[in-house]
Amino acid sequence: MSATRSGDGNFYIDGFPITPSDTVDLDDITLAIYVGSDGDVTVETLGGKNVTFKSVRSGTTLKIRATKILSSNTTANNLVGLI
């Protein structure tokens, strides 16, 4: 089994597929989000703010603590929450 090293030198211990929703929180707060296809990603941060990452390239890992991935304004697909 392989693991992905996070920016602080630690490894992510698990991952889960993300289905964006404007109403449903993620089961786990992310340490990062892997973006599988190009597009915008709108998150609700752990701090409660909505932030849109524009024109994210496929293969990018966004190091963000998110509680929700909003379907409004999210056009990227194949998102994976990393914890």
PDB file of N, CA and C in Angstrom:
ATOM      1  N   MET A   1       0.851  -1.173   0.000  1.00  0.00           N
ATOM      2  CA  MET A   1       0.000   0.000   0.000  1.00  0.00           C
ATOM      3  C   MET A   1       0.893   1.229   0.000  1.00  0.00           C
ATOM      4  N   SER A   2       0.538   2.237  -0.805  1.00  0.00           N
ATOM      5  CA  SER A   2       1.300   3.474  -0.829  1.00  0.00           C
ATOM      6  C   SER A   2       0.461   4.585  -0.223  1.00  0.00           C
ATOM      7  N   ALA A   3       1.119   5.625   0.213  1.00  0.00           N
ATOM      8  CA  ALA A   3       0.435   6.770   0.807  1.00  0.00           C
ATOM      9  C   ALA A   3       0.973   8.036   0.157  1.00  0.00           C
ATOM     10  N   THR A   4       0.215   9.088   0.223  1.00  0.00           N
ATOM     11  CA  THR A   4       0.626  10.373  -0.321  1.00  0.00           C
ATOM     12  C   THR A   4       1.150  11.242   0.803  1.00  0.00           C
ATOM     13  N   ARG A   5       2.325  11.805   0.609  1.00  0.00           N
ATOM     14  CA  ARG A   5       2.928  12.658   1.634  1.00  0.00           C
ATOM     15  C   ARG A   5       2.285  14.037   1.563  1.00  0.00           C
ATOM     16  N   SER A   6       1.808  14.534   2.699  1.00  0.00           N
ATOM     17  CA  SER A   6       1.250  15.885   2.753  1.00  0.00           C
ATOM     18  C   SER A   6       2.391  16.880   2.873  1.00  0.00           C
ATOM     19  N   GLY A   7       2.085  18.157   2.722  1.00  0.00           N
ATOM     20  CA  GLY A   7       3.106  19.192   2.728  1.00  0.00           C
ATOM     21  C   GLY A   7       3.886  19.301   4.020  1.00  0.00           C
ATOM     22  N   ASP A   8       3.345  18.824   5.125  1.00  0.00           N
ATOM     23  CA  ASP A   8       4.046  18.934   6.405  1.00  0.00           C
ATOM     24  C   ASP A   8       4.893  17.699   6.694  1.00  0.00           C
ATOM     25  N   GLY A   9       5.049  16.821   5.707  1.00  0.00           N
ATOM     26  CA  GLY A   9       5.881  15.640   5.882  1.00  0.00           C
ATOM     27  C   GLY A   9       5.121  14.424   6.366  1.00  0.00           C
ATOM     28  N   ASN A  10       3.874  14.593   6.739  1.00  0.00           N
ATOM     29  CA  ASN A  10       3.054  13.468   7.175  1.00  0.00           C
ATOM     30  C   ASN A  10       2.341  12.863   5.977  1.00  0.00           C
ATOM     31  N   PHE A  11       1.795  11.671   6.162  1.00  0.00           N
ATOM     32  CA  PHE A  11       1.058  11.017   5.099  1.00  0.00           C
ATOM     33  C   PHE A  11      -0.439  11.149   5.352  1.00  0.00           C
ATOM     34  N   TYR A  12      -1.199  11.235   4.260  1.00  0.00           N
ATOM     35  CA  TYR A  12      -2.650  11.146   4.377  1.00  0.00           C
ATOM     36  C   TYR A  12      -2.962   9.706   4.740  1.00  0.00           C
ATOM     37  N   ILE A  13      -3.896   9.500   5.653  1.00  0.00           N
ATOM     38  CA  ILE A  13      -4.190   8.147   6.095  1.00  0.00           C
ATOM     39  C   ILE A  13      -5.376   7.522   5.374  1.00  0.00           C
ATOM     40  N   ASP A  14      -6.172   8.353   4.692  1.00  0.00           N
ATOM     41  CA  ASP A  14      -7.346   7.812   4.014  1.00  0.00           C
ATOM     42  C   ASP A  14      -7.840   8.819   2.990  1.00  0.00           C
ATOM     43  N   GLY A  15      -8.750   8.360   2.159  1.00  0.00           N
ATOM     44  CA  GLY A  15      -9.365   9.218   1.157  1.00  0.00           C
ATOM     45  C   GLY A  15     -10.781   8.757   0.889  1.00  0.00           C
ATOM     46  N   PHE A  16     -11.568   9.649   0.314  1.00  0.00           N
ATOM     47  CA  PHE A  16     -12.957   9.322   0.002  1.00  0.00           C
ATOM     48  C   PHE A  16     -13.417  10.145  -1.194  1.00  0.00           C
ATOM     49  N   PRO A  17     -14.292   9.573  -2.037  1.00  0.00           N
ATOM     50  CA  PRO A  17     -14.817  10.329  -3.169  1.00  0.00           C
ATOM     51  C   PRO A  17     -15.737  11.442  -2.671  1.00  0.00           C
ATOM     52  N   ILE A  18     -15.693  12.566  -3.353  1.00  0.00           N
ATOM     53  CA  ILE A  18     -16.515  13.714  -2.973  1.00  0.00           C
ATOM     54  C   ILE A  18     -17.592  13.933  -4.020  1.00  0.00           C
ATOM     55  N   THR A  19     -18.831  14.012  -3.560  1.00  0.00           N
ATOM     56  CA  THR A  19     -19.947  14.450  -4.392  1.00  0.00           C
ATOM     57  C   THR A  19     -20.315  15.848  -3.904  1.00  0.00           C
ATOM     58  N   PRO A  20     -20.045  16.882  -4.719  1.00  0.00           N
ATOM     59  CA  PRO A  20     -20.358  18.247  -4.277  1.00  0.00           C
ATOM     60  C   PRO A  20     -21.838  18.408  -3.939  1.00  0.00           C
ATOM     61  N   SER A  21     -22.103  19.203  -2.900  1.00  0.00           N
ATOM     62  CA  SER A  21     -23.474  19.481  -2.460  1.00  0.00           C
ATOM     63  C   SER A  21     -23.502  20.836  -1.766  1.00  0.00           C
ATOM     64  N   ASP A  22     -24.545  21.590  -2.024  1.00  0.00           N
ATOM     65  CA  ASP A  22     -24.709  22.878  -1.346  1.00  0.00           C
ATOM     66  C   ASP A  22     -25.283  22.717   0.056  1.00  0.00           C
ATOM     67  N   THR A  23     -25.777  21.524   0.390  1.00  0.00           N
ATOM     68  CA  THR A  23     -26.459  21.337   1.672  1.00  0.00           C
ATOM     69  C   THR A  23     -25.839  20.288   2.593  1.00  0.00           C
ATOM     70  N   VAL A  24     -25.087  19.349   2.038  1.00  0.00           N
ATOM     71  CA  VAL A  24     -24.582  18.233   2.840  1.00  0.00           C
ATOM     72  C   VAL A  24     -23.095  18.425   3.144  1.00  0.00           C
ATOM     73  N   ASP A  25     -22.743  18.387   4.433  1.00  0.00           N
ATOM     74  CA  ASP A  25     -21.338  18.456   4.845  1.00  0.00           C
ATOM     75  C   ASP A  25     -20.624  17.160   4.487  1.00  0.00           C
ATOM     76  N   LEU A  26     -19.307  17.254   4.317  1.00  0.00           N
ATOM     77  CA  LEU A  26     -18.486  16.067   4.122  1.00  0.00           C
ATOM     78  C   LEU A  26     -18.507  15.229   5.395  1.00  0.00           C
ATOM     79  N   ASP A  27     -18.338  13.929   5.261  1.00  0.00           N
ATOM     80  CA  ASP A  27     -18.280  13.049   6.438  1.00  0.00           C
ATOM     81  C   ASP A  27     -17.064  13.350   7.299  1.00  0.00           C
ATOM     82  N   ASP A  28     -15.966  13.768   6.662  1.00  0.00           N
ATOM     83  CA  ASP A  28     -14.727  14.097   7.364  1.00  0.00           C
ATOM     84  C   ASP A  28     -14.224  15.450   6.881  1.00  0.00           C
ATOM     85  N   ILE A  29     -13.595  16.212   7.748  1.00  0.00           N
ATOM     86  CA  ILE A  29     -12.947  17.460   7.356  1.00  0.00           C
ATOM     87  C   ILE A  29     -11.665  17.094   6.631  1.00  0.00           C
ATOM     88  N   THR A  30     -11.459  17.660   5.460  1.00  0.00           N
ATOM     89  CA  THR A  30     -10.299  17.299   4.655  1.00  0.00           C
ATOM     90  C   THR A  30      -9.022  17.966   5.159  1.00  0.00           C
ATOM     91  N   LEU A  31      -7.909  17.318   4.854  1.00  0.00           N
ATOM     92  CA  LEU A  31      -6.596  17.956   4.943  1.00  0.00           C
ATOM     93  C   LEU A  31      -6.221  18.498   3.574  1.00  0.00           C
ATOM     94  N   ALA A  32      -6.770  17.857   2.532  1.00  0.00           N
ATOM     95  CA  ALA A  32      -6.508  18.259   1.155  1.00  0.00           C
ATOM     96  C   ALA A  32      -7.589  17.665   0.259  1.00  0.00           C
ATOM     97  N   ILE A  33      -7.668  18.203  -0.957  1.00  0.00           N
ATOM     98  CA  ILE A  33      -8.609  17.706  -1.962  1.00  0.00           C
ATOM     99  C   ILE A  33      -7.831  17.457  -3.244  1.00  0.00           C
ATOM    100  N   TYR A  34      -7.908  16.236  -3.746  1.00  0.00           N
ATOM    101  CA  TYR A  34      -7.306  15.892  -5.030  1.00  0.00           C
ATOM    102  C   TYR A  34      -8.335  16.199  -6.114  1.00  0.00           C
ATOM    103  N   VAL A  35      -7.898  16.890  -7.169  1.00  0.00           N
ATOM    104  CA  VAL A  35      -8.771  17.272  -8.275  1.00  0.00           C
ATOM    105  C   VAL A  35      -8.419  16.391  -9.476  1.00  0.00           C
ATOM    106  N   GLY A  36      -9.366  15.569  -9.900  1.00  0.00           N
ATOM    107  CA  GLY A  36      -9.113  14.614 -10.974  1.00  0.00           C
ATOM    108  C   GLY A  36      -9.323  15.148 -12.374  1.00  0.00           C
ATOM    109  N   SER A  37     -10.090  16.225 -12.523  1.00  0.00           N
ATOM    110  CA  SER A  37     -10.261  16.835 -13.841  1.00  0.00           C
ATOM    111  C   SER A  37     -10.365  18.344 -13.688  1.00  0.00           C
ATOM    112  N   ASP A  38      -9.911  19.065 -14.715  1.00  0.00           N
ATOM    113  CA  ASP A  38      -9.847  20.528 -14.677  1.00  0.00           C
ATOM    114  C   ASP A  38     -11.186  21.171 -14.328  1.00  0.00           C
ATOM    115  N   GLY A  39     -11.112  22.312 -13.642  1.00  0.00           N
ATOM    116  CA  GLY A  39     -12.300  23.106 -13.365  1.00  0.00           C
ATOM    117  C   GLY A  39     -12.146  23.920 -12.101  1.00  0.00           C
ATOM    118  N   ASP A  40     -13.245  24.548 -11.704  1.00  0.00           N
ATOM    119  CA  ASP A  40     -13.289  25.341 -10.478  1.00  0.00           C
ATOM    120  C   ASP A  40     -13.747  24.460  -9.320  1.00  0.00           C
ATOM    121  N   VAL A  41     -13.252  24.767  -8.117  1.00  0.00           N
ATOM    122  CA  VAL A  41     -13.653  24.047  -6.911  1.00  0.00           C
ATOM    123  C   VAL A  41     -14.048  25.082  -5.861  1.00  0.00           C
ATOM    124  N   THR A  42     -15.291  24.997  -5.395  1.00  0.00           N
ATOM    125  CA  THR A  42     -15.767  25.901  -4.352  1.00  0.00           C
ATOM    126  C   THR A  42     -15.953  25.109  -3.069  1.00  0.00           C
ATOM    127  N   VAL A  43     -15.269  25.562  -2.015  1.00  0.00           N
ATOM    128  CA  VAL A  43     -15.299  24.869  -0.733  1.00  0.00           C
ATOM    129  C   VAL A  43     -15.868  25.770   0.339  1.00  0.00           C
ATOM    130  N   GLU A  44     -16.410  25.132   1.380  1.00  0.00           N
ATOM    131  CA  GLU A  44     -16.675  25.823   2.631  1.00  0.00           C
ATOM    132  C   GLU A  44     -15.538  25.423   3.560  1.00  0.00           C
ATOM    133  N   THR A  45     -14.772  26.411   4.006  1.00  0.00           N
ATOM    134  CA  THR A  45     -13.599  26.129   4.823  1.00  0.00           C
ATOM    135  C   THR A  45     -13.998  25.777   6.249  1.00  0.00           C
ATOM    136  N   LEU A  46     -13.049  25.220   6.974  1.00  0.00           N
ATOM    137  CA  LEU A  46     -13.259  24.922   8.384  1.00  0.00           C
ATOM    138  C   LEU A  46     -13.632  26.187   9.145  1.00  0.00           C
ATOM    139  N   GLY A  47     -13.166  27.330   8.668  1.00  0.00           N
ATOM    140  CA  GLY A  47     -13.492  28.619   9.280  1.00  0.00           C
ATOM    141  C   GLY A  47     -14.857  29.171   8.891  1.00  0.00           C
ATOM    142  N   GLY A  48     -15.585  28.468   7.993  1.00  0.00           N
ATOM    143  CA  GLY A  48     -16.946  28.865   7.641  1.00  0.00           C
ATOM    144  C   GLY A  48     -17.071  29.786   6.440  1.00  0.00           C
ATOM    145  N   LYS A  49     -15.990  30.037   5.735  1.00  0.00           N
ATOM    146  CA  LYS A  49     -16.031  30.910   4.545  1.00  0.00           C
ATOM    147  C   LYS A  49     -16.123  30.059   3.281  1.00  0.00           C
ATOM    148  N   ASN A  50     -16.778  30.608   2.261  1.00  0.00           N
ATOM    149  CA  ASN A  50     -16.818  29.969   0.956  1.00  0.00           C
ATOM    150  C   ASN A  50     -15.694  30.543   0.098  1.00  0.00           C
ATOM    151  N   VAL A  51     -14.885  29.658  -0.478  1.00  0.00           N
ATOM    152  CA  VAL A  51     -13.744  30.054  -1.299  1.00  0.00           C
ATOM    153  C   VAL A  51     -13.794  29.273  -2.602  1.00  0.00           C
ATOM    154  N   THR A  52     -13.616  29.975  -3.732  1.00  0.00           N
ATOM    155  CA  THR A  52     -13.572  29.317  -5.031  1.00  0.00           C
ATOM    156  C   THR A  52     -12.148  29.332  -5.556  1.00  0.00           C
ATOM    157  N   PHE A  53     -11.641  28.143  -5.878  1.00  0.00           N
ATOM    158  CA  PHE A  53     -10.355  27.991  -6.537  1.00  0.00           C
ATOM    159  C   PHE A  53     -10.649  27.897  -8.025  1.00  0.00           C
ATOM    160  N   LYS A  54     -10.209  28.873  -8.794  1.00  0.00           N
ATOM    161  CA  LYS A  54     -10.522  28.966 -10.220  1.00  0.00           C
ATOM    162  C   LYS A  54      -9.496  28.212 -11.065  1.00  0.00           C
ATOM    163  N   SER A  55     -10.001  27.559 -12.099  1.00  0.00           N
ATOM    164  CA  SER A  55      -9.171  26.927 -13.130  1.00  0.00           C
ATOM    165  C   SER A  55      -8.119  25.983 -12.563  1.00  0.00           C
ATOM    166  N   VAL A  56      -8.547  25.107 -11.673  1.00  0.00           N
ATOM    167  CA  VAL A  56      -7.633  24.128 -11.071  1.00  0.00           C
ATOM    168  C   VAL A  56      -7.345  23.043 -12.108  1.00  0.00           C
ATOM    169  N   ARG A  57      -6.085  22.716 -12.279  1.00  0.00           N
ATOM    170  CA  ARG A  57      -5.666  21.704 -13.254  1.00  0.00           C
ATOM    171  C   ARG A  57      -5.836  20.296 -12.679  1.00  0.00           C
ATOM    172  N   SER A  58      -6.151  19.352 -13.538  1.00  0.00           N
ATOM    173  CA  SER A  58      -6.260  17.961 -13.079  1.00  0.00           C
ATOM    174  C   SER A  58      -4.927  17.515 -12.492  1.00  0.00           C
ATOM    175  N   GLY A  59      -5.000  16.698 -11.457  1.00  0.00           N
ATOM    176  CA  GLY A  59      -3.807  16.213 -10.783  1.00  0.00           C
ATOM    177  C   GLY A  59      -3.342  17.108  -9.641  1.00  0.00           C
ATOM    178  N   THR A  60      -4.028  18.233  -9.445  1.00  0.00           N
ATOM    179  CA  THR A  60      -3.674  19.164  -8.370  1.00  0.00           C
ATOM    180  C   THR A  60      -4.209  18.666  -7.040  1.00  0.00           C
ATOM    181  N   THR A  61      -3.430  18.855  -5.979  1.00  0.00           N
ATOM    182  CA  THR A  61      -3.897  18.608  -4.624  1.00  0.00           C
ATOM    183  C   THR A  61      -3.990  19.950  -3.914  1.00  0.00           C
ATOM    184  N   LEU A  62      -5.219  20.338  -3.550  1.00  0.00           N
ATOM    185  CA  LEU A  62      -5.456  21.581  -2.820  1.00  0.00           C
ATOM    186  C   LEU A  62      -5.336  21.288  -1.332  1.00  0.00           C
ATOM    187  N   LYS A  63      -4.381  21.885  -0.675  1.00  0.00           N
ATOM    188  CA  LYS A  63      -4.202  21.666   0.762  1.00  0.00           C
ATOM    189  C   LYS A  63      -5.126  22.628   1.499  1.00  0.00           C
ATOM    190  N   ILE A  64      -6.341  22.130   1.775  1.00  0.00           N
ATOM    191  CA  ILE A  64      -7.379  22.977   2.382  1.00  0.00           C
ATOM    192  C   ILE A  64      -8.217  22.142   3.339  1.00  0.00           C
ATOM    193  N   ARG A  65      -8.477  22.697   4.494  1.00  0.00           N
ATOM    194  CA  ARG A  65      -9.373  22.056   5.466  1.00  0.00           C
ATOM    195  C   ARG A  65     -10.792  22.498   5.120  1.00  0.00           C
ATOM    196  N   ALA A  66     -11.527  21.600   4.495  1.00  0.00           N
ATOM    197  CA  ALA A  66     -12.874  21.907   4.016  1.00  0.00           C
ATOM    198  C   ALA A  66     -13.910  21.040   4.719  1.00  0.00           C
ATOM    199  N   THR A  67     -15.072  21.633   4.974  1.00  0.00           N
ATOM    200  CA  THR A  67     -16.192  20.908   5.569  1.00  0.00           C
ATOM    201  C   THR A  67     -17.249  20.548   4.526  1.00  0.00           C
ATOM    202  N   LYS A  68     -17.198  21.248   3.381  1.00  0.00           N
ATOM    203  CA  LYS A  68     -18.194  21.026   2.335  1.00  0.00           C
ATOM    204  C   LYS A  68     -17.572  21.428   0.998  1.00  0.00           C
ATOM    205  N   ILE A  69     -17.915  20.692  -0.052  1.00  0.00           N
ATOM    206  CA  ILE A  69     -17.589  21.083  -1.421  1.00  0.00           C
ATOM    207  C   ILE A  69     -18.914  21.444  -2.068  1.00  0.00           C
ATOM    208  N   LEU A  70     -19.055  22.693  -2.422  1.00  0.00           N
ATOM    209  CA  LEU A  70     -20.329  23.191  -2.933  1.00  0.00           C
ATOM    210  C   LEU A  70     -20.536  22.809  -4.395  1.00  0.00           C
ATOM    211  N   SER A  71     -21.765  22.398  -4.724  1.00  0.00           N
ATOM    212  CA  SER A  71     -22.066  22.086  -6.123  1.00  0.00           C
ATOM    213  C   SER A  71     -22.179  23.377  -6.937  1.00  0.00           C
ATOM    214  N   SER A  72     -22.632  24.465  -6.299  1.00  0.00           N
ATOM    215  CA  SER A  72     -22.674  25.757  -6.981  1.00  0.00           C
ATOM    216  C   SER A  72     -21.253  26.224  -7.241  1.00  0.00           C
ATOM    217  N   ASN A  73     -20.950  26.506  -8.475  1.00  0.00           N
ATOM    218  CA  ASN A  73     -19.654  27.028  -8.919  1.00  0.00           C
ATOM    219  C   ASN A  73     -18.532  25.995  -8.924  1.00  0.00           C
ATOM    220  N   THR A  74     -18.804  24.728  -8.621  1.00  0.00           N
ATOM    221  CA  THR A  74     -17.781  23.692  -8.754  1.00  0.00           C
ATOM    222  C   THR A  74     -17.994  22.997 -10.089  1.00  0.00           C
ATOM    223  N   THR A  75     -16.981  23.108 -10.961  1.00  0.00           N
ATOM    224  CA  THR A  75     -17.064  22.489 -12.283  1.00  0.00           C
ATOM    225  C   THR A  75     -16.057  21.348 -12.448  1.00  0.00           C
ATOM    226  N   ALA A  76     -15.091  21.250 -11.543  1.00  0.00           N
ATOM    227  CA  ALA A  76     -14.121  20.143 -11.569  1.00  0.00           C
ATOM    228  C   ALA A  76     -14.826  18.857 -11.164  1.00  0.00           C
ATOM    229  N   ASN A  77     -14.309  17.736 -11.643  1.00  0.00           N
ATOM    230  CA  ASN A  77     -14.884  16.423 -11.338  1.00  0.00           C
ATOM    231  C   ASN A  77     -13.818  15.511 -10.763  1.00  0.00           C
ATOM    232  N   ASN A  78     -14.270  14.318 -10.350  1.00  0.00           N
ATOM    233  CA  ASN A  78     -13.374  13.297  -9.808  1.00  0.00           C
ATOM    234  C   ASN A  78     -12.573  13.829  -8.616  1.00  0.00           C
ATOM    235  N   LEU A  79     -13.291  14.422  -7.685  1.00  0.00           N
ATOM    236  CA  LEU A  79     -12.676  14.987  -6.481  1.00  0.00           C
ATOM    237  C   LEU A  79     -12.527  13.909  -5.411  1.00  0.00           C
ATOM    238  N   VAL A  80     -11.414  13.941  -4.706  1.00  0.00           N
ATOM    239  CA  VAL A  80     -11.150  13.002  -3.635  1.00  0.00           C
ATOM    240  C   VAL A  80     -10.734  13.781  -2.404  1.00  0.00           C
ATOM    241  N   GLY A  81     -11.429  13.541  -1.283  1.00  0.00           N
ATOM    242  CA  GLY A  81     -11.038  14.147  -0.014  1.00  0.00           C
ATOM    243  C   GLY A  81      -9.933  13.328   0.603  1.00  0.00           C
ATOM    244  N   LEU A  82      -8.879  13.992   1.050  1.00  0.00           N
ATOM    245  CA  LEU A  82      -7.752  13.314   1.699  1.00  0.00           C
ATOM    246  C   LEU A  82      -7.717  13.706   3.161  1.00  0.00           C
ATOM    247  N   ILE A  83      -7.577  12.686   4.017  1.00  0.00           N
ATOM    248  CA  ILE A  83      -7.549  12.935   5.470  1.00  0.00           C
ATOM    249  C   ILE A  83      -6.369  12.199   6.094  1.00  0.00           C
TER     250      ILE A  83
END
